[in-house]
Amino acid sequence: MDKKSLPTVEQALPHESPMILLDRLVQKTETGLISEVIIREGIPFFDDGVVSAFVGVEYMAQTVAAYSGVESIGNGGEAEIGFLLGIKGFTSKCRLFSNGQILQVAVNHDWGDNQLMHFIGVITDSETKEVLQEAQLSAFKPENSREFIDQFSNK
């Protein structure tokens, strides 16, 4: 899948504004996805000219969700809700993301099937190419997310 055939972030993520944190999908690879986030006034978690680097975990998690959505859309489906199960080996070389900084968020599907998956996530500064954060993310996507969620509701 090349850049021209990528869906929009809104199509690939089962999120609603204002909690869509990614700005655009950059590239789909055979086993991963690269997204972009522009740190700027008006985005969620922007405060006093910066975003806490802890939000990088959510940037990676949303890129995992977008990867799953792109895969589903490519197979004739639509983006569905998934669940972040855990994060391991998180490292960060920064405390803050600065106003005007452009982040490249890459996730690579390391192992797992359509339901239980493991990804390697890396955030780099698009200008300097410096690796800012790395983490391993585990995710779960039920076969039917609505049925899965409904079984826990008080109906």
Protein backbone atom coordinates (compact mmCIF):
# COMPACT_ATOMS: atom_id res chain seq x y z
CA MET A 1 0.00 0.00 0.00
CA ASP A 2 1.57 3.31 -0.99
CA LYS A 3 0.98 6.83 0.33
CA LYS A 4 -1.77 7.58 -2.20
CA SER A 5 -3.92 4.68 -1.06
CA LEU A 6 -3.62 5.31 2.67
CA PRO A 7 -6.87 6.21 4.40
CA THR A 8 -7.08 9.37 6.48
CA VAL A 9 -6.30 9.24 10.18
CA GLU A 10 -10.02 9.71 10.89
CA GLN A 11 -10.86 6.66 8.75
CA ALA A 12 -8.12 4.47 10.21
CA LEU A 13 -8.73 5.27 13.90
CA PRO A 14 -11.85 4.32 15.84
CA HIS A 15 -11.46 7.55 17.85
CA GLU A 16 -13.38 10.81 17.83
CA SER A 17 -12.13 14.36 18.03
CA PRO A 18 -10.54 15.72 20.16
CA MET A 19 -8.82 12.44 21.03
CA ILE A 20 -7.37 11.83 17.58
CA LEU A 21 -3.78 12.77 18.31
CA LEU A 22 -2.12 11.85 15.01
CA ASP A 23 -1.95 14.41 12.21
CA ARG A 24 -1.40 12.12 9.25
CA LEU A 25 -0.44 8.66 8.12
CA VAL A 26 2.86 8.83 6.25
CA GLN A 27 3.68 5.34 5.06
CA LYS A 28 2.42 1.77 5.34
CA THR A 29 5.06 -0.94 5.18
CA GLU A 30 4.57 -4.67 4.98
CA THR A 31 4.61 -4.97 8.77
CA GLY A 32 4.12 -1.48 10.09
CA LEU A 33 2.99 2.10 9.81
CA ILE A 34 4.55 5.53 10.15
CA SER A 35 2.47 8.47 11.33
CA GLU A 36 3.24 12.10 12.01
CA VAL A 37 2.40 14.43 14.88
CA ILE A 38 2.99 18.18 14.76
CA ILE A 39 3.39 19.71 18.20
CA ARG A 40 1.43 22.97 18.16
CA GLU A 41 -1.04 25.10 20.03
CA GLY A 42 -4.56 23.71 20.06
CA ILE A 43 -3.71 20.00 20.14
CA PRO A 44 -4.69 17.91 23.16
CA PHE A 45 -2.16 17.98 26.01
CA PHE A 46 -0.41 21.12 24.68
CA ASP A 47 0.36 23.33 27.67
CA ASP A 48 2.63 26.34 27.91
CA GLY A 49 4.34 25.64 24.58
CA VAL A 50 5.03 21.93 25.14
CA VAL A 51 3.52 18.45 25.34
CA SER A 52 4.75 16.06 28.04
CA ALA A 53 6.82 13.26 26.55
CA PHE A 54 4.59 10.76 28.37
CA VAL A 55 2.01 11.44 25.64
CA GLY A 56 4.41 9.70 23.25
CA VAL A 57 3.05 6.38 24.53
CA GLU A 58 -0.40 7.38 23.24
CA TYR A 59 1.09 8.51 19.93
CA MET A 60 2.55 5.01 19.55
CA ALA A 61 -0.69 3.34 20.70
CA GLN A 62 -2.74 5.35 18.19
CA THR A 63 -0.29 4.44 15.44
CA VAL A 64 -0.80 0.77 16.35
CA ALA A 65 -4.58 1.32 16.17
CA ALA A 66 -4.20 3.10 12.83
CA TYR A 67 -2.09 0.20 11.51
CA SER A 68 -4.89 -2.19 12.45
CA GLY A 69 -7.45 0.15 10.86
CA VAL A 70 -5.45 0.41 7.63
CA GLU A 71 -5.20 -3.39 7.52
CA SER A 72 -8.97 -3.77 8.11
CA ILE A 73 -9.84 -1.15 5.49
CA GLY A 74 -7.48 -2.86 3.02
CA ASN A 75 -9.42 -6.10 3.56
CA GLY A 76 -12.81 -4.45 2.97
CA GLY A 77 -13.64 -3.76 6.62
CA GLU A 78 -13.45 -0.71 8.83
CA ALA A 79 -11.44 0.44 11.83
CA GLU A 80 -12.50 -1.27 15.05
CA ILE A 81 -11.81 -0.72 18.71
CA GLY A 82 -8.79 -2.46 20.17
CA PHE A 83 -7.18 -2.42 23.58
CA LEU A 84 -3.67 -1.56 24.66
CA LEU A 85 -2.69 -4.35 27.05
CA GLY A 86 0.70 -3.17 28.11
CA ILE A 87 3.93 -1.36 27.43
CA LYS A 88 7.36 -2.78 28.08
CA GLY A 89 10.84 -1.35 27.74
CA PHE A 90 9.74 2.28 27.43
CA THR A 91 12.71 4.61 27.12
CA SER A 92 12.64 8.35 26.54
CA LYS A 93 15.51 10.70 25.78
CA CYS A 94 13.32 13.75 26.37
CA ARG A 95 10.89 15.10 28.94
CA LEU A 96 8.93 17.35 26.57
CA PHE A 97 7.96 17.74 22.94
CA SER A 98 8.36 21.37 21.87
CA ASN A 99 6.10 23.70 19.92
CA GLY A 100 6.80 23.27 16.18
CA GLN A 101 8.48 19.89 16.57
CA ILE A 102 7.37 17.25 14.06
CA LEU A 103 7.42 13.69 15.33
CA GLN A 104 7.60 10.58 13.16
CA VAL A 105 5.92 7.69 14.98
CA ALA A 106 6.79 4.26 13.60
CA VAL A 107 5.33 0.95 14.73
CA ASN A 108 6.36 -2.45 13.47
CA HIS A 109 4.22 -5.57 14.00
CA ASP A 110 6.70 -7.86 15.72
CA TRP A 111 4.55 -10.94 16.36
CA GLY A 112 0.99 -12.08 16.95
CA ASP A 113 -2.17 -12.74 15.03
CA ASN A 114 -5.20 -10.58 14.28
CA GLN A 115 -6.32 -10.55 17.93
CA LEU A 116 -3.23 -10.51 20.14
CA MET A 117 -0.36 -8.50 18.69
CA HIS A 118 3.02 -7.15 19.74
CA PHE A 119 4.63 -4.05 18.23
CA ILE A 120 7.92 -2.20 18.47
CA GLY A 121 7.35 1.58 18.56
CA VAL A 122 9.87 4.33 17.87
CA ILE A 123 9.39 8.10 17.88
CA THR A 124 11.97 10.21 16.06
CA ASP A 125 12.35 13.94 15.53
CA SER A 126 11.66 14.42 11.81
CA GLU A 127 14.24 17.19 11.49
CA THR A 128 17.19 15.79 13.44
CA LYS A 129 16.29 12.09 12.95
CA GLU A 130 17.14 11.58 16.64
CA VAL A 131 15.35 8.66 18.28
CA LEU A 132 13.38 10.22 21.14
CA GLN A 133 11.41 7.26 22.48
CA GLU A 134 11.14 3.52 22.10
CA ALA A 135 8.71 0.97 23.53
CA GLN A 136 7.20 -2.46 23.03
CA LEU A 137 3.40 -2.43 22.91
CA SER A 138 0.98 -5.34 23.32
CA ALA A 139 -2.54 -4.96 21.96
CA PHE A 140 -5.74 -6.97 21.81
CA LYS A 141 -8.41 -6.63 19.12
CA PRO A 142 -11.46 -8.84 19.65
CA GLU A 143 -13.15 -10.39 16.63
CA ASN A 144 -16.24 -8.30 17.29
CA SER A 145 -15.39 -5.30 19.44
CA ARG A 146 -19.01 -4.23 19.99
CA GLU A 147 -20.01 -7.68 21.30
CA PHE A 148 -16.90 -7.78 23.47
CA ILE A 149 -17.68 -4.40 25.05
CA ASP A 150 -21.39 -5.18 25.44
CA GLN A 151 -20.68 -8.26 27.53
CA PHE A 152 -19.31 -5.97 30.25
CA SER A 153 -22.13 -3.43 30.22
CA ASN A 154 -25.00 -3.43 32.70
CA LYS A 155 -27.96 -4.08 30.44
